[in-house]
Amino acid sequence: MERFRDRQDAGDRLAEAVAALAPQDPVVLALPRGGVPVAAPVAARLGAPLDIVSVRKIGAPGNPEYAVGALVDGDPPEPVWNEEVLAGLGLSRDDLQETVARESRVLAERRDLYLKGRAPVPLEGRDAVVVDDGIATGATLRAALKGLAARRPARVLLAVPVGPPGVEEDFAGLADAVVCLVTPRPFHAVGQGYIAFGQTSDAEVVACLDRNAEGQDGA
């Protein structure tokens, strides 16, 4: 099975596949932390701004691990609700206002840490290229894609180095195009696709985003 040396190698190879789709006026959006070093070469290849799209779980009252929705980074953050779960628990969206406000603060803190207060890059009318280091269950990515739709991108392109077989079909309704370079059989975990797959540090995320911002300023 083909394996990537590390996230940098995966990003380099992913960049060529994404460039072949000829995205128009693209913005590259990475899921932190592991998606950022993969997305950085993609953004460099496209000459595009690199931003993040963080996702926070909206937990049920009294049971924070039980997700009734997700909050997706943006200006403002966009909630994505699981209406069936809400109805099953007898909850309304208004019942979760306090949780949404708390998770919004967490997203703002993460953005301040990684992007030093830089506002989200506008997506309206532009192609959004969403990048992660791989897909396992896909729950976080699904929430991210649903949340980004409210920002009215022209197209949404999902690009990952590794995922389970059938990932293109699984995400067809959420993305206009899906690029997944390696689909191991049997699929157990994203790390199958990598030789080196250590944790990505906050410092590495900041460095990738800073380099991109400096390149955009100098363009």
N, C-alpha and C. Protein backbone atom coordinates (compact mmCIF):
# COMPACT_ATOMS: atom_id res chain seq x y z
N MET A 1 0.83 -1.20 0.00
CA MET A 1 0.00 0.00 0.00
C MET A 1 0.87 1.25 0.00
N GLU A 2 0.48 2.23 -0.79
CA GLU A 2 1.19 3.50 -0.81
C GLU A 2 1.04 4.20 0.54
N ARG A 3 2.16 4.75 1.05
CA ARG A 3 2.12 5.49 2.31
C ARG A 3 2.87 6.80 2.12
N PHE A 4 2.46 7.81 2.87
CA PHE A 4 3.13 9.11 2.84
C PHE A 4 4.21 9.14 3.90
N ARG A 5 5.32 9.83 3.59
CA ARG A 5 6.39 9.93 4.59
C ARG A 5 5.88 10.63 5.84
N ASP A 6 5.17 11.72 5.64
CA ASP A 6 4.65 12.53 6.74
C ASP A 6 3.59 13.47 6.16
N ARG A 7 3.12 14.40 6.96
CA ARG A 7 2.07 15.31 6.50
C ARG A 7 2.56 16.24 5.39
N GLN A 8 3.82 16.63 5.46
CA GLN A 8 4.38 17.49 4.40
C GLN A 8 4.35 16.77 3.05
N ASP A 9 4.79 15.53 3.04
CA ASP A 9 4.78 14.74 1.81
C ASP A 9 3.34 14.56 1.31
N ALA A 10 2.42 14.29 2.24
CA ALA A 10 1.02 14.14 1.85
C ALA A 10 0.49 15.43 1.24
N GLY A 11 0.83 16.56 1.84
CA GLY A 11 0.38 17.84 1.32
C GLY A 11 0.95 18.16 -0.05
N ASP A 12 2.21 17.82 -0.25
CA ASP A 12 2.83 18.06 -1.56
C ASP A 12 2.11 17.28 -2.65
N ARG A 13 1.78 16.04 -2.36
CA ARG A 13 1.11 15.22 -3.38
C ARG A 13 -0.36 15.63 -3.55
N LEU A 14 -0.97 15.99 -2.45
CA LEU A 14 -2.36 16.43 -2.53
C LEU A 14 -2.47 17.73 -3.32
N ALA A 15 -1.46 18.59 -3.19
CA ALA A 15 -1.48 19.89 -3.87
C ALA A 15 -1.62 19.73 -5.38
N GLU A 16 -0.91 18.76 -5.94
CA GLU A 16 -0.98 18.57 -7.39
C GLU A 16 -2.35 18.08 -7.82
N ALA A 17 -2.94 17.20 -7.02
CA ALA A 17 -4.27 16.69 -7.35
C ALA A 17 -5.32 17.80 -7.26
N VAL A 18 -5.20 18.67 -6.28
CA VAL A 18 -6.15 19.78 -6.14
C VAL A 18 -5.95 20.79 -7.26
N ALA A 19 -4.70 21.08 -7.60
CA ALA A 19 -4.43 22.04 -8.68
C ALA A 19 -5.04 21.58 -9.99
N ALA A 20 -5.10 20.26 -10.20
CA ALA A 20 -5.67 19.73 -11.43
C ALA A 20 -7.16 20.03 -11.55
N LEU A 21 -7.81 20.35 -10.43
CA LEU A 21 -9.24 20.71 -10.46
C LEU A 21 -9.45 22.17 -10.82
N ALA A 22 -8.35 22.93 -10.94
CA ALA A 22 -8.39 24.34 -11.34
C ALA A 22 -9.38 25.16 -10.51
N PRO A 23 -9.22 25.17 -9.17
CA PRO A 23 -10.14 25.98 -8.36
C PRO A 23 -10.01 27.46 -8.68
N GLN A 24 -11.14 28.16 -8.64
CA GLN A 24 -11.19 29.57 -8.99
C GLN A 24 -11.17 30.44 -7.74
N ASP A 25 -10.21 31.36 -7.69
CA ASP A 25 -10.07 32.28 -6.55
C ASP A 25 -10.17 31.51 -5.24
N PRO A 26 -9.32 30.49 -5.04
CA PRO A 26 -9.53 29.56 -3.92
C PRO A 26 -9.11 30.12 -2.57
N VAL A 27 -9.75 29.59 -1.55
CA VAL A 27 -9.34 29.74 -0.16
C VAL A 27 -9.15 28.32 0.38
N VAL A 28 -8.00 28.06 1.00
CA VAL A 28 -7.74 26.74 1.57
C VAL A 28 -8.06 26.79 3.06
N LEU A 29 -8.89 25.85 3.50
CA LEU A 29 -9.34 25.80 4.89
C LEU A 29 -8.91 24.48 5.50
N ALA A 30 -8.11 24.56 6.56
CA ALA A 30 -7.58 23.35 7.19
C ALA A 30 -8.27 23.10 8.52
N LEU A 31 -8.46 21.83 8.84
CA LEU A 31 -8.93 21.46 10.17
C LEU A 31 -7.72 21.29 11.08
N PRO A 32 -7.65 22.13 12.13
CA PRO A 32 -6.51 22.01 13.04
C PRO A 32 -6.70 20.83 13.99
N ARG A 33 -5.59 20.26 14.45
CA ARG A 33 -4.25 20.72 14.13
C ARG A 33 -3.66 19.98 12.94
N GLY A 34 -3.91 18.68 12.82
CA GLY A 34 -3.21 17.86 11.84
C GLY A 34 -3.44 18.25 10.40
N GLY A 35 -4.56 18.90 10.11
CA GLY A 35 -4.82 19.28 8.72
C GLY A 35 -4.00 20.46 8.24
N VAL A 36 -3.45 21.24 9.16
CA VAL A 36 -2.76 22.47 8.75
C VAL A 36 -1.47 22.20 8.00
N PRO A 37 -0.56 21.33 8.48
CA PRO A 37 0.65 21.07 7.70
C PRO A 37 0.39 20.35 6.38
N VAL A 38 -0.76 19.69 6.24
CA VAL A 38 -1.13 19.11 4.96
C VAL A 38 -1.64 20.20 4.02
N ALA A 39 -2.42 21.12 4.58
CA ALA A 39 -3.01 22.18 3.77
C ALA A 39 -2.01 23.23 3.31
N ALA A 40 -0.94 23.43 4.07
CA ALA A 40 0.02 24.50 3.74
C ALA A 40 0.61 24.34 2.35
N PRO A 41 1.08 23.14 1.94
CA PRO A 41 1.59 23.00 0.57
C PRO A 41 0.50 23.18 -0.49
N VAL A 42 -0.74 22.82 -0.14
CA VAL A 42 -1.85 23.01 -1.08
C VAL A 42 -2.05 24.51 -1.32
N ALA A 43 -2.08 25.28 -0.24
CA ALA A 43 -2.26 26.73 -0.37
C ALA A 43 -1.10 27.36 -1.14
N ALA A 44 0.13 26.89 -0.86
CA ALA A 44 1.30 27.43 -1.56
C ALA A 44 1.22 27.13 -3.05
N ARG A 45 0.80 25.92 -3.40
CA ARG A 45 0.70 25.53 -4.81
C ARG A 45 -0.35 26.36 -5.53
N LEU A 46 -1.43 26.68 -4.85
CA LEU A 46 -2.52 27.44 -5.46
C LEU A 46 -2.32 28.95 -5.35
N GLY A 47 -1.34 29.38 -4.55
CA GLY A 47 -1.17 30.80 -4.30
C GLY A 47 -2.36 31.37 -3.54
N ALA A 48 -2.94 30.55 -2.66
CA ALA A 48 -4.19 30.89 -1.99
C ALA A 48 -3.97 31.20 -0.52
N PRO A 49 -4.87 31.98 0.08
CA PRO A 49 -4.81 32.16 1.53
C PRO A 49 -5.14 30.87 2.25
N LEU A 50 -4.49 30.69 3.40
CA LEU A 50 -4.72 29.51 4.24
C LEU A 50 -5.42 29.96 5.51
N ASP A 51 -6.56 29.36 5.78
CA ASP A 51 -7.34 29.67 6.97
C ASP A 51 -7.64 28.35 7.68
N ILE A 52 -8.26 28.45 8.84
CA ILE A 52 -8.66 27.24 9.56
C ILE A 52 -10.19 27.16 9.62
N VAL A 53 -10.68 25.96 9.80
CA VAL A 53 -12.10 25.77 10.08
C VAL A 53 -12.19 24.80 11.26
N SER A 54 -12.31 25.38 12.44
CA SER A 54 -12.41 24.59 13.66
C SER A 54 -13.86 24.20 13.91
N VAL A 55 -14.02 23.06 14.55
CA VAL A 55 -15.36 22.55 14.86
C VAL A 55 -15.39 22.18 16.34
N ARG A 56 -16.44 22.62 17.03
CA ARG A 56 -16.64 22.29 18.44
C ARG A 56 -17.97 21.57 18.61
N LYS A 57 -17.94 20.53 19.41
CA LYS A 57 -19.17 19.79 19.70
C LYS A 57 -20.11 20.65 20.55
N ILE A 58 -21.42 20.60 20.25
CA ILE A 58 -22.45 21.18 21.11
C ILE A 58 -23.05 20.02 21.88
N GLY A 59 -22.69 19.93 23.16
CA GLY A 59 -23.13 18.80 23.97
C GLY A 59 -24.48 19.03 24.60
N ALA A 60 -25.16 17.95 24.91
CA ALA A 60 -26.47 18.03 25.55
C ALA A 60 -26.32 18.51 26.99
N PRO A 61 -27.28 19.26 27.51
CA PRO A 61 -27.23 19.68 28.91
C PRO A 61 -27.13 18.48 29.85
N GLY A 62 -26.14 18.53 30.74
CA GLY A 62 -25.94 17.44 31.67
C GLY A 62 -25.20 16.25 31.10
N ASN A 63 -24.98 16.25 29.78
CA ASN A 63 -24.27 15.14 29.14
C ASN A 63 -23.44 15.71 27.98
N PRO A 64 -22.37 16.44 28.31
CA PRO A 64 -21.63 17.20 27.29
C PRO A 64 -20.99 16.35 26.21
N GLU A 65 -20.81 15.05 26.46
CA GLU A 65 -20.22 14.19 25.44
C GLU A 65 -21.23 13.75 24.38
N TYR A 66 -22.51 13.95 24.66
CA TYR A 66 -23.56 13.55 23.72
C TYR A 66 -23.87 14.74 22.82
N ALA A 67 -23.43 14.66 21.57
CA ALA A 67 -23.53 15.80 20.67
C ALA A 67 -24.94 15.98 20.13
N VAL A 68 -25.47 17.19 20.29
CA VAL A 68 -26.73 17.54 19.66
C VAL A 68 -26.49 18.42 18.44
N GLY A 69 -25.24 18.73 18.20
CA GLY A 69 -24.87 19.55 17.06
C GLY A 69 -23.39 19.88 17.12
N ALA A 70 -22.99 20.79 16.26
CA ALA A 70 -21.60 21.23 16.22
C ALA A 70 -21.57 22.71 15.88
N LEU A 71 -20.52 23.37 16.32
CA LEU A 71 -20.34 24.79 16.02
C LEU A 71 -19.11 24.93 15.14
N VAL A 72 -19.29 25.57 13.99
CA VAL A 72 -18.23 25.65 12.99
C VAL A 72 -17.68 27.08 12.95
N ASP A 73 -16.36 27.18 12.99
CA ASP A 73 -15.68 28.47 12.99
C ASP A 73 -16.13 29.34 11.82
N GLY A 74 -16.34 30.61 12.09
CA GLY A 74 -16.72 31.56 11.06
C GLY A 74 -16.98 32.91 11.70
N ASP A 75 -17.50 33.85 10.94
CA ASP A 75 -17.77 35.18 11.46
C ASP A 75 -19.21 35.57 11.12
N PRO A 76 -20.18 35.17 11.97
CA PRO A 76 -20.03 34.49 13.26
C PRO A 76 -19.93 32.97 13.09
N PRO A 77 -19.62 32.24 14.18
CA PRO A 77 -19.63 30.78 14.10
C PRO A 77 -21.01 30.27 13.71
N GLU A 78 -21.01 29.17 12.96
CA GLU A 78 -22.26 28.64 12.41
C GLU A 78 -22.63 27.33 13.11
N PRO A 79 -23.78 27.28 13.81
CA PRO A 79 -24.19 26.02 14.42
C PRO A 79 -24.80 25.07 13.39
N VAL A 80 -24.49 23.81 13.53
CA VAL A 80 -25.08 22.75 12.70
C VAL A 80 -25.78 21.80 13.66
N TRP A 81 -27.09 21.67 13.53
CA TRP A 81 -27.87 20.93 14.51
C TRP A 81 -28.25 19.54 14.02
N ASN A 82 -28.30 18.61 14.97
CA ASN A 82 -28.87 17.29 14.70
C ASN A 82 -30.31 17.34 15.20
N GLU A 83 -31.22 17.64 14.29
CA GLU A 83 -32.61 17.88 14.68
C GLU A 83 -33.26 16.65 15.30
N GLU A 84 -32.87 15.46 14.83
CA GLU A 84 -33.46 14.24 15.40
C GLU A 84 -33.07 14.07 16.86
N VAL A 85 -31.79 14.37 17.16
CA VAL A 85 -31.33 14.24 18.55
C VAL A 85 -32.00 15.29 19.43
N LEU A 86 -32.10 16.53 18.92
CA LEU A 86 -32.79 17.57 19.67
C LEU A 86 -34.22 17.16 20.01
N ALA A 87 -34.93 16.67 19.00
CA ALA A 87 -36.32 16.28 19.21
C ALA A 87 -36.42 15.11 20.19
N GLY A 88 -35.50 14.17 20.07
CA GLY A 88 -35.52 13.01 20.95
C GLY A 88 -35.29 13.37 22.40
N LEU A 89 -34.54 14.44 22.64
CA LEU A 89 -34.26 14.88 24.00
C LEU A 89 -35.26 15.95 24.48
N GLY A 90 -36.17 16.32 23.59
CA GLY A 90 -37.14 17.35 23.96
C GLY A 90 -36.53 18.72 24.12
N LEU A 91 -35.51 19.01 23.34
CA LEU A 91 -34.79 20.28 23.43
C LEU A 91 -35.07 21.15 22.22
N SER A 92 -34.95 22.45 22.41
CA SER A 92 -34.97 23.40 21.30
C SER A 92 -33.58 24.03 21.17
N ARG A 93 -33.34 24.70 20.08
CA ARG A 93 -32.07 25.39 19.90
C ARG A 93 -31.85 26.43 20.98
N ASP A 94 -32.93 27.07 21.41
CA ASP A 94 -32.80 28.09 22.46
C ASP A 94 -32.25 27.51 23.75
N ASP A 95 -32.51 26.24 23.99
CA ASP A 95 -32.03 25.60 25.21
C ASP A 95 -30.50 25.47 25.21
N LEU A 96 -29.88 25.60 24.04
CA LEU A 96 -28.44 25.41 23.92
C LEU A 96 -27.68 26.72 23.77
N GLN A 97 -28.36 27.86 23.99
CA GLN A 97 -27.70 29.14 23.76
C GLN A 97 -26.46 29.32 24.63
N GLU A 98 -26.55 28.91 25.88
CA GLU A 98 -25.40 29.05 26.78
C GLU A 98 -24.23 28.21 26.30
N THR A 99 -24.51 26.99 25.86
CA THR A 99 -23.45 26.11 25.34
C THR A 99 -22.83 26.69 24.08
N VAL A 100 -23.68 27.20 23.18
CA VAL A 100 -23.17 27.80 21.95
C VAL A 100 -22.28 28.99 22.26
N ALA A 101 -22.69 29.81 23.21
CA ALA A 101 -21.88 30.98 23.58
C ALA A 101 -20.54 30.55 24.14
N ARG A 102 -20.54 29.50 24.97
CA ARG A 102 -19.28 29.02 25.55
C ARG A 102 -18.36 28.47 24.47
N GLU A 103 -18.90 27.66 23.57
CA GLU A 103 -18.07 27.08 22.52
C GLU A 103 -17.61 28.15 21.52
N SER A 104 -18.41 29.20 21.35
CA SER A 104 -17.98 30.31 20.50
C SER A 104 -16.74 30.98 21.07
N ARG A 105 -16.71 31.10 22.39
CA ARG A 105 -15.52 31.68 23.03
C ARG A 105 -14.30 30.79 22.83
N VAL A 106 -14.50 29.48 22.90
CA VAL A 106 -13.38 28.56 22.67
C VAL A 106 -12.85 28.70 21.25
N LEU A 107 -13.76 28.79 20.27
CA LEU A 107 -13.34 28.98 18.88
C LEU A 107 -12.57 30.28 18.71
N ALA A 108 -13.04 31.34 19.37
CA ALA A 108 -12.34 32.63 19.27
C ALA A 108 -10.96 32.54 19.88
N GLU A 109 -10.83 31.82 21.00
CA GLU A 109 -9.52 31.66 21.63
C GLU A 109 -8.57 30.87 20.73
N ARG A 110 -9.10 29.85 20.09
CA ARG A 110 -8.26 29.05 19.18
C ARG A 110 -7.82 29.88 17.99
N ARG A 111 -8.74 30.68 17.45
CA ARG A 111 -8.38 31.55 16.32
C ARG A 111 -7.32 32.57 16.74
N ASP A 112 -7.48 33.14 17.93
CA ASP A 112 -6.48 34.10 18.41
C ASP A 112 -5.12 33.43 18.56
N LEU A 113 -5.10 32.20 19.06
CA LEU A 113 -3.85 31.48 19.22
C LEU A 113 -3.19 31.20 17.88
N TYR A 114 -3.96 30.69 16.94
CA TYR A 114 -3.38 30.24 15.68
C TYR A 114 -3.21 31.36 14.66
N LEU A 115 -4.17 32.29 14.63
CA LEU A 115 -4.17 33.31 13.58
C LEU A 115 -3.97 34.72 14.11
N LYS A 116 -3.73 34.80 15.43
CA LYS A 116 -3.38 36.08 16.05
C LYS A 116 -4.41 37.16 15.76
N GLY A 117 -5.68 36.74 15.82
CA GLY A 117 -6.77 37.69 15.66
C GLY A 117 -7.20 37.95 14.23
N ARG A 118 -6.52 37.34 13.25
CA ARG A 118 -6.94 37.57 11.86
C ARG A 118 -8.35 37.02 11.65
N ALA A 119 -9.18 37.79 10.99
CA ALA A 119 -10.57 37.40 10.76
C ALA A 119 -10.63 36.28 9.74
N PRO A 120 -11.71 35.50 9.75
CA PRO A 120 -11.88 34.47 8.72
C PRO A 120 -11.85 35.09 7.32
N VAL A 121 -11.22 34.38 6.39
CA VAL A 121 -11.15 34.85 5.00
C VAL A 121 -12.54 34.73 4.38
N PRO A 122 -13.06 35.78 3.74
CA PRO A 122 -14.38 35.69 3.10
C PRO A 122 -14.41 34.58 2.05
N LEU A 123 -15.51 33.83 2.03
CA LEU A 123 -15.64 32.71 1.09
C LEU A 123 -16.65 32.96 -0.02
N GLU A 124 -17.51 33.93 0.14
CA GLU A 124 -18.61 34.10 -0.81
C GLU A 124 -18.08 34.27 -2.24
N GLY A 125 -18.59 33.41 -3.13
CA GLY A 125 -18.21 33.47 -4.53
C GLY A 125 -16.85 32.88 -4.85
N ARG A 126 -16.16 32.32 -3.85
CA ARG A 126 -14.83 31.74 -4.07
C ARG A 126 -14.91 30.23 -3.88
N ASP A 127 -13.94 29.52 -4.42
CA ASP A 127 -13.87 28.07 -4.21
C ASP A 127 -13.19 27.79 -2.87
N ALA A 128 -13.88 27.05 -2.01
CA ALA A 128 -13.33 26.65 -0.72
C ALA A 128 -12.72 25.26 -0.83
N VAL A 129 -11.44 25.15 -0.52
CA VAL A 129 -10.74 23.86 -0.54
C VAL A 129 -10.52 23.43 0.91
N VAL A 130 -11.26 22.43 1.35
CA VAL A 130 -11.22 21.99 2.74
C VAL A 130 -10.27 20.80 2.84
N VAL A 131 -9.29 20.92 3.75
CA VAL A 131 -8.21 19.93 3.83
C VAL A 131 -8.08 19.41 5.26
N ASP A 132 -7.95 18.09 5.39
CA ASP A 132 -7.58 17.48 6.67
C ASP A 132 -6.51 16.43 6.37
N ASP A 133 -5.90 15.88 7.43
CA ASP A 133 -4.86 14.89 7.20
C ASP A 133 -5.42 13.51 6.91
N GLY A 134 -6.74 13.37 7.00
CA GLY A 134 -7.38 12.11 6.66
C GLY A 134 -8.80 12.09 7.19
N ILE A 135 -9.53 11.07 6.79
CA ILE A 135 -10.92 10.90 7.23
C ILE A 135 -11.03 9.54 7.91
N ALA A 136 -11.59 9.55 9.13
CA ALA A 136 -11.90 8.30 9.81
C ALA A 136 -13.41 8.14 9.81
N THR A 137 -14.10 8.66 10.83
CA THR A 137 -15.57 8.60 10.82
C THR A 137 -16.16 9.67 9.91
N GLY A 138 -15.46 10.80 9.76
CA GLY A 138 -15.94 11.88 8.91
C GLY A 138 -16.91 12.82 9.59
N ALA A 139 -17.22 12.60 10.88
CA ALA A 139 -18.24 13.42 11.54
C ALA A 139 -17.82 14.89 11.61
N THR A 140 -16.57 15.15 11.97
CA THR A 140 -16.11 16.53 12.08
C THR A 140 -16.12 17.22 10.73
N LEU A 141 -15.66 16.52 9.70
CA LEU A 141 -15.64 17.10 8.36
C LEU A 141 -17.06 17.37 7.86
N ARG A 142 -17.99 16.49 8.14
CA ARG A 142 -19.37 16.72 7.70
C ARG A 142 -19.92 17.99 8.34
N ALA A 143 -19.66 18.16 9.62
CA ALA A 143 -20.11 19.38 10.30
C ALA A 143 -19.45 20.61 9.69
N ALA A 144 -18.15 20.51 9.43
CA ALA A 144 -17.43 21.65 8.85
C ALA A 144 -18.02 22.04 7.49
N LEU A 145 -18.28 21.06 6.66
CA LEU A 145 -18.81 21.34 5.32
C LEU A 145 -20.21 21.94 5.39
N LYS A 146 -21.04 21.43 6.29
CA LYS A 146 -22.38 21.98 6.44
C LYS A 146 -22.33 23.42 6.94
N GLY A 147 -21.42 23.68 7.88
CA GLY A 147 -21.30 25.03 8.40
C GLY A 147 -20.77 26.01 7.38
N LEU A 148 -19.83 25.57 6.55
CA LEU A 148 -19.25 26.45 5.54
C LEU A 148 -20.26 26.83 4.47
N ALA A 149 -21.26 26.01 4.26
CA ALA A 149 -22.25 26.31 3.22
C ALA A 149 -22.94 27.66 3.47
N ALA A 150 -23.07 28.03 4.75
CA ALA A 150 -23.72 29.30 5.08
C ALA A 150 -22.88 30.50 4.63
N ARG A 151 -21.57 30.27 4.37
CA ARG A 151 -20.70 31.36 3.93
C ARG A 151 -20.68 31.51 2.40
N ARG A 152 -21.50 30.73 1.73
CA ARG A 152 -21.82 30.85 0.30
C ARG A 152 -20.59 30.80 -0.61
N PRO A 153 -19.76 29.78 -0.47
CA PRO A 153 -18.67 29.61 -1.45
C PRO A 153 -19.25 29.22 -2.81
N ALA A 154 -18.49 29.50 -3.87
CA ALA A 154 -18.93 29.09 -5.21
C ALA A 154 -18.94 27.57 -5.32
N ARG A 155 -17.85 26.95 -4.90
CA ARG A 155 -17.73 25.49 -4.88
C ARG A 155 -17.02 25.09 -3.60
N VAL A 156 -17.26 23.86 -3.18
CA VAL A 156 -16.54 23.29 -2.05
C VAL A 156 -15.80 22.05 -2.54
N LEU A 157 -14.49 22.06 -2.37
CA LEU A 157 -13.65 20.93 -2.75
C LEU A 157 -13.07 20.32 -1.48
N LEU A 158 -13.29 19.05 -1.27
CA LEU A 158 -12.75 18.35 -0.11
C LEU A 158 -11.52 17.57 -0.54
N ALA A 159 -10.41 17.76 0.17
CA ALA A 159 -9.15 17.12 -0.22
C ALA A 159 -8.47 16.52 1.00
N VAL A 160 -8.25 15.22 0.97
CA VAL A 160 -7.56 14.52 2.05
C VAL A 160 -6.60 13.50 1.45
N PRO A 161 -5.50 13.21 2.14
CA PRO A 161 -4.58 12.20 1.62
C PRO A 161 -5.10 10.77 1.75
N VAL A 162 -5.82 10.48 2.85
CA VAL A 162 -6.19 9.10 3.13
C VAL A 162 -7.58 9.04 3.76
N GLY A 163 -8.31 7.99 3.41
CA GLY A 163 -9.64 7.79 3.98
C GLY A 163 -10.14 6.40 3.64
N PRO A 164 -11.30 6.03 4.13
CA PRO A 164 -11.84 4.70 3.86
C PRO A 164 -12.35 4.59 2.43
N PRO A 165 -12.44 3.38 1.90
CA PRO A 165 -13.03 3.19 0.58
C PRO A 165 -14.45 3.76 0.53
N GLY A 166 -14.78 4.36 -0.61
CA GLY A 166 -16.11 4.92 -0.77
C GLY A 166 -16.28 6.32 -0.25
N VAL A 167 -15.17 6.96 0.16
CA VAL A 167 -15.28 8.29 0.76
C VAL A 167 -15.83 9.32 -0.24
N GLU A 168 -15.50 9.15 -1.51
CA GLU A 168 -16.01 10.09 -2.52
C GLU A 168 -17.53 10.07 -2.56
N GLU A 169 -18.10 8.88 -2.54
CA GLU A 169 -19.55 8.77 -2.56
C GLU A 169 -20.17 9.27 -1.26
N ASP A 170 -19.51 9.01 -0.14
CA ASP A 170 -20.04 9.41 1.16
C ASP A 170 -20.19 10.92 1.28
N PHE A 171 -19.28 11.66 0.64
CA PHE A 171 -19.28 13.13 0.77
C PHE A 171 -19.82 13.83 -0.47
N ALA A 172 -20.36 13.08 -1.40
CA ALA A 172 -20.79 13.67 -2.67
C ALA A 172 -21.86 14.74 -2.47
N GLY A 173 -22.70 14.59 -1.46
CA GLY A 173 -23.76 15.58 -1.25
C GLY A 173 -23.31 16.82 -0.52
N LEU A 174 -22.09 16.80 0.01
CA LEU A 174 -21.60 17.93 0.80
C LEU A 174 -20.50 18.71 0.09
N ALA A 175 -19.86 18.09 -0.88
CA ALA A 175 -18.76 18.74 -1.60
C ALA A 175 -18.97 18.57 -3.10
N ASP A 176 -18.54 19.59 -3.85
CA ASP A 176 -18.67 19.53 -5.31
C ASP A 176 -17.65 18.59 -5.93
N ALA A 177 -16.53 18.39 -5.23
CA ALA A 177 -15.52 17.44 -5.69
C ALA A 177 -14.79 16.92 -4.46
N VAL A 178 -14.39 15.65 -4.51
CA VAL A 178 -13.68 15.03 -3.40
C VAL A 178 -12.40 14.40 -3.95
N VAL A 179 -11.27 14.73 -3.32
CA VAL A 179 -9.99 14.14 -3.66
C VAL A 179 -9.51 13.35 -2.45
N CYS A 180 -9.30 12.06 -2.61
CA CYS A 180 -8.73 11.21 -1.56
C CYS A 180 -7.71 10.31 -2.23
N LEU A 181 -6.44 10.49 -1.91
CA LEU A 181 -5.36 9.84 -2.67
C LEU A 181 -5.21 8.36 -2.35
N VAL A 182 -5.42 7.98 -1.10
CA VAL A 182 -5.18 6.59 -0.68
C VAL A 182 -6.38 6.10 0.12
N THR A 183 -6.91 4.93 -0.25
CA THR A 183 -8.04 4.33 0.48
C THR A 183 -7.68 2.88 0.84
N PRO A 184 -7.02 2.68 1.97
CA PRO A 184 -6.57 1.33 2.34
C PRO A 184 -7.73 0.36 2.54
N ARG A 185 -7.48 -0.88 2.16
CA ARG A 185 -8.44 -1.96 2.41
C ARG A 185 -7.71 -3.08 3.15
N PRO A 186 -8.16 -3.48 4.32
CA PRO A 186 -9.22 -2.86 5.11
C PRO A 186 -8.74 -1.57 5.75
N PHE A 187 -9.66 -0.66 6.00
CA PHE A 187 -9.31 0.62 6.61
C PHE A 187 -9.52 0.53 8.12
N HIS A 188 -8.49 0.93 8.88
CA HIS A 188 -8.57 0.92 10.34
C HIS A 188 -8.43 2.31 10.94
N ALA A 189 -7.49 3.09 10.40
CA ALA A 189 -7.21 4.41 10.97
C ALA A 189 -6.46 5.25 9.96
N VAL A 190 -6.53 6.57 10.12
CA VAL A 190 -5.84 7.49 9.21
C VAL A 190 -4.34 7.22 9.21
N GLY A 191 -3.78 6.87 10.35
CA GLY A 191 -2.34 6.64 10.45
C GLY A 191 -1.82 5.54 9.55
N GLN A 192 -2.71 4.67 9.04
CA GLN A 192 -2.27 3.64 8.09
C GLN A 192 -1.58 4.24 6.87
N GLY A 193 -1.98 5.46 6.51
CA GLY A 193 -1.47 6.06 5.29
C GLY A 193 -0.16 6.78 5.46
N TYR A 194 0.39 6.78 6.68
CA TYR A 194 1.60 7.55 6.96
C TYR A 194 2.68 6.67 7.58
N ILE A 195 3.93 6.99 7.25
CA ILE A 195 5.07 6.38 7.94
C ILE A 195 5.29 7.09 9.27
N ALA A 196 5.32 8.43 9.24
CA ALA A 196 5.43 9.25 10.45
C ALA A 196 4.13 10.01 10.62
N PHE A 197 3.47 9.79 11.77
CA PHE A 197 2.15 10.40 11.99
C PHE A 197 2.03 10.86 13.44
N GLY A 198 3.00 11.66 13.87
CA GLY A 198 2.97 12.16 15.24
C GLY A 198 1.99 13.31 15.39
N GLN A 199 1.82 13.74 16.63
CA GLN A 199 0.93 14.87 16.91
C GLN A 199 1.49 16.15 16.31
N THR A 200 0.61 16.98 15.79
CA THR A 200 0.99 18.30 15.30
C THR A 200 0.89 19.28 16.45
N SER A 201 1.94 20.07 16.67
CA SER A 201 1.95 21.00 17.79
C SER A 201 1.28 22.32 17.41
N ASP A 202 0.86 23.06 18.43
CA ASP A 202 0.32 24.40 18.19
C ASP A 202 1.35 25.28 17.49
N ALA A 203 2.61 25.14 17.88
CA ALA A 203 3.67 25.95 17.27
C ALA A 203 3.79 25.68 15.78
N GLU A 204 3.64 24.42 15.38
CA GLU A 204 3.72 24.08 13.96
C GLU A 204 2.54 24.68 13.20
N VAL A 205 1.36 24.64 13.80
CA VAL A 205 0.18 25.25 13.18
C VAL A 205 0.40 26.74 12.96
N VAL A 206 0.86 27.43 14.01
CA VAL A 206 1.09 28.87 13.92
C VAL A 206 2.12 29.19 12.84
N ALA A 207 3.20 28.40 12.79
CA ALA A 207 4.25 28.65 11.80
C ALA A 207 3.71 28.52 10.38
N CYS A 208 2.91 27.48 10.13
CA CYS A 208 2.34 27.29 8.78
C CYS A 208 1.45 28.47 8.40
N LEU A 209 0.61 28.89 9.32
CA LEU A 209 -0.33 29.97 9.04
C LEU A 209 0.41 31.31 8.87
N ASP A 210 1.43 31.54 9.69
CA ASP A 210 2.21 32.77 9.57
C ASP A 210 2.93 32.85 8.23
N ARG A 211 3.51 31.73 7.81
CA ARG A 211 4.23 31.72 6.51
C ARG A 211 3.28 32.05 5.38
N ASN A 212 2.08 31.48 5.42
CA ASN A 212 1.12 31.76 4.38
C ASN A 212 0.71 33.22 4.39
N ALA A 213 0.44 33.77 5.59
CA ALA A 213 0.02 35.16 5.69
C ALA A 213 1.10 36.10 5.16
N GLU A 214 2.37 35.79 5.47
CA GLU A 214 3.47 36.63 4.98
C GLU A 214 3.54 36.55 3.45
N GLY A 215 3.32 35.35 2.91
CA GLY A 215 3.34 35.21 1.45
C GLY A 215 2.22 35.97 0.78
N GLN A 216 1.03 35.96 1.43
CA GLN A 216 -0.11 36.69 0.86
C GLN A 216 0.13 38.19 0.92
N ASP A 217 0.73 38.67 2.01
CA ASP A 217 1.02 40.09 2.13
C ASP A 217 2.02 40.57 1.10
N GLY A 218 2.95 39.64 0.74
CA GLY A 218 3.98 40.02 -0.21
C GLY A 218 3.61 39.78 -1.65
N ALA A 219 2.43 39.17 -1.87
CA ALA A 219 2.01 38.84 -3.24
C ALA A 219 1.60 40.09 -4.00
